[in-house]
């Protein structure tokens, strides 16, 4: 009987994790499709409160998976929009954690590609914004040291192959 309860609990956790992932994929699709929509602050408070455990474990899980997570797809969508980019600063370590995955030797090519696209989106966005709202000033500059270190590590590792 005890084993059955354990199996049920494990199955329920997997179903909840799959449901959460599906919700984040849907949200990522909405963020990509309506990137210029100014979402309410209440929405972002709720979003970040509900994904806090995912953000805390993001670097570890993001670097060890074969493909980018649904959470990462949301961050990538946010990096494309001048309305959403500022929300990437809500969690202090979020952007540095994304950049530092470049230093993980076991990170898949799909993950590395997502990170480089994330950086490219921020740079492209910076060209579109005025100086006051610059993605460079709000997201990249505070994390420049981590970005440079991570890119240096990535290029040094690639040169050894």
Protein backbone atom coordinates (compact mmCIF):
# COMPACT_ATOMS: atom_id res chain seq x y z
CA UNK A 1 0.00 0.00 0.00
CA UNK A 2 2.82 2.38 0.86
CA UNK A 3 4.50 1.92 -2.52
CA UNK A 4 1.24 2.71 -4.26
CA UNK A 5 0.92 6.02 -2.38
CA UNK A 6 4.51 6.88 -3.33
CA UNK A 7 3.80 6.10 -6.98
CA UNK A 8 0.64 8.20 -6.89
CA UNK A 9 2.51 11.12 -5.34
CA UNK A 10 5.24 10.85 -7.95
CA UNK A 11 2.69 10.69 -10.73
CA UNK A 12 0.82 13.71 -9.35
CA UNK A 13 4.07 15.72 -9.15
CA UNK A 14 4.92 14.87 -12.74
CA UNK A 15 1.45 15.92 -13.86
CA UNK A 16 1.75 19.22 -12.00
CA UNK A 17 5.20 19.84 -13.48
CA UNK A 18 3.86 19.08 -16.98
CA UNK A 19 0.91 21.41 -16.41
CA UNK A 20 3.22 24.20 -15.20
CA UNK A 21 5.42 23.70 -18.25
CA UNK A 22 2.41 23.84 -20.56
CA UNK A 23 1.20 27.06 -18.90
CA UNK A 24 4.62 28.64 -19.34
CA UNK A 25 4.74 27.58 -23.01
CA UNK A 26 1.35 29.20 -23.57
CA UNK A 27 2.52 32.32 -21.78
CA UNK A 28 5.69 32.39 -23.87
CA UNK A 29 3.58 32.20 -27.04
CA UNK A 30 1.40 35.08 -25.83
CA UNK A 31 4.46 37.18 -24.92
CA UNK A 32 5.94 36.57 -28.37
CA UNK A 33 2.72 37.32 -30.19
CA UNK A 34 1.79 40.43 -28.18
CA UNK A 35 5.23 41.75 -27.32
CA UNK A 36 4.13 45.38 -27.48
CA UNK A 37 1.26 44.97 -25.06
CA UNK A 38 1.77 46.74 -21.74
CA UNK A 39 0.83 44.04 -19.23
CA UNK A 40 -0.44 45.17 -15.86
CA UNK A 41 2.00 45.29 -12.91
CA UNK A 42 -0.33 42.93 -11.06
CA UNK A 43 0.27 40.34 -13.76
CA UNK A 44 4.04 40.54 -13.32
CA UNK A 45 3.82 40.44 -9.54
CA UNK A 46 1.76 37.29 -9.80
CA UNK A 47 3.99 35.79 -12.49
CA UNK A 48 7.26 36.29 -10.61
CA UNK A 49 5.77 35.17 -7.31
CA UNK A 50 4.52 31.93 -8.87
CA UNK A 51 7.76 31.11 -10.72
CA UNK A 52 10.15 32.07 -7.91
CA UNK A 53 11.18 28.44 -7.24
CA UNK A 54 11.90 27.99 -10.95
CA UNK A 55 14.00 31.13 -11.05
CA UNK A 56 15.97 30.04 -8.00
CA UNK A 57 16.82 26.72 -9.69
CA UNK A 58 17.13 28.17 -13.19
CA UNK A 59 20.89 27.97 -13.65
CA UNK A 60 21.17 24.39 -12.47
CA UNK A 61 18.17 23.13 -14.42
CA UNK A 62 18.84 25.32 -17.44
CA UNK A 63 22.38 24.10 -17.87
CA UNK A 64 21.61 20.42 -17.38
CA UNK A 65 18.66 20.01 -19.74
CA UNK A 66 18.89 19.11 -23.40
CA UNK A 67 16.51 21.80 -24.61
CA UNK A 68 15.51 25.21 -23.24
CA UNK A 69 12.80 25.19 -20.61
CA UNK A 70 9.43 26.86 -20.95
CA UNK A 71 10.62 29.38 -18.37
CA UNK A 72 13.60 30.21 -20.55
CA UNK A 73 11.25 30.72 -23.52
CA UNK A 74 9.42 33.35 -21.45
CA UNK A 75 12.69 35.14 -20.68
CA UNK A 76 13.67 35.02 -24.35
CA UNK A 77 10.33 36.56 -25.30
CA UNK A 78 10.83 39.27 -22.68
CA UNK A 79 14.25 40.10 -24.12
CA UNK A 80 12.62 40.99 -27.45
CA UNK A 81 10.19 43.59 -26.17
CA UNK A 82 10.86 47.12 -24.99
CA UNK A 83 7.75 46.78 -22.78
CA UNK A 84 8.92 43.58 -21.13
CA UNK A 85 12.70 43.84 -20.90
CA UNK A 86 12.65 45.82 -17.67
CA UNK A 87 10.97 42.89 -15.91
CA UNK A 88 14.12 40.82 -16.40
CA UNK A 89 15.64 42.87 -13.56
CA UNK A 90 13.00 41.87 -11.02
CA UNK A 91 15.01 38.95 -9.74
CA UNK A 92 18.51 40.10 -8.92
CA UNK A 93 20.37 37.03 -10.16
CA UNK A 94 18.20 36.16 -13.15
CA UNK A 95 20.20 37.79 -15.93
CA UNK A 96 23.61 36.84 -14.48
CA UNK A 97 22.36 33.25 -14.13
CA UNK A 98 21.35 33.20 -17.79
CA UNK A 99 24.75 34.56 -18.84
CA UNK A 100 26.71 32.23 -16.58
CA UNK A 101 25.19 29.13 -18.18
CA UNK A 102 27.64 29.88 -21.00
CA UNK A 103 30.39 28.66 -18.64
CA UNK A 104 28.81 25.25 -18.06
CA UNK A 105 30.70 22.69 -20.14
CA UNK A 106 27.75 20.31 -20.31
CA UNK A 107 25.24 22.88 -21.57
CA UNK A 108 23.65 21.71 -24.82
CA UNK A 109 23.98 23.58 -28.09
CA UNK A 110 20.26 24.37 -27.95
CA UNK A 111 20.69 26.03 -24.55
CA UNK A 112 23.77 27.96 -25.69
CA UNK A 113 21.91 29.08 -28.80
CA UNK A 114 19.02 30.39 -26.67
CA UNK A 115 21.43 32.35 -24.47
CA UNK A 116 23.18 33.90 -27.46
CA UNK A 117 19.78 34.80 -28.95
CA UNK A 118 18.83 36.34 -25.59
CA UNK A 119 21.97 38.53 -25.74
CA UNK A 120 21.33 39.39 -29.38
CA UNK A 121 17.74 40.41 -28.57
CA UNK A 122 18.96 42.75 -25.83
CA UNK A 123 21.49 44.35 -28.16
CA UNK A 124 18.92 44.73 -30.95
CA UNK A 125 16.43 46.18 -28.51
CA UNK A 126 19.02 48.65 -27.32
CA UNK A 127 19.35 49.99 -30.88
CA UNK A 128 15.59 50.61 -30.98
CA UNK A 129 15.23 52.41 -27.64
CA UNK A 130 16.27 55.90 -26.65
CA UNK A 131 19.06 56.39 -24.13
CA UNK A 132 16.72 56.71 -21.18
CA UNK A 133 15.07 53.31 -21.67
CA UNK A 134 18.13 51.56 -22.99
CA UNK A 135 18.30 47.79 -22.50
CA UNK A 136 22.05 48.25 -22.24
CA UNK A 137 21.68 50.53 -19.23
CA UNK A 138 19.01 48.55 -17.45
CA UNK A 139 19.89 44.93 -18.17
CA UNK A 140 23.32 44.51 -19.75
CA UNK A 141 25.51 47.08 -17.97
CA UNK A 142 24.74 45.91 -14.44
CA UNK A 143 25.67 42.39 -15.58
CA UNK A 144 28.49 43.24 -17.96
CA UNK A 145 31.22 41.58 -15.91
CA UNK A 146 29.32 38.28 -15.83
CA UNK A 147 28.55 38.53 -19.55
CA UNK A 148 32.17 39.19 -20.54
CA UNK A 149 33.49 36.44 -18.27
CA UNK A 150 30.91 33.97 -19.59
CA UNK A 151 31.54 34.81 -23.26
CA UNK A 152 35.31 34.61 -22.69
CA UNK A 153 34.89 31.19 -21.10
CA UNK A 154 32.66 30.01 -23.95
CA UNK A 155 35.14 31.17 -26.60
CA UNK A 156 38.10 29.68 -24.76
CA UNK A 157 36.27 26.35 -24.48
CA UNK A 158 35.33 26.44 -28.16
CA UNK A 159 38.96 27.11 -29.12
CA UNK A 160 40.02 23.91 -27.31
CA UNK A 161 37.69 21.75 -29.42
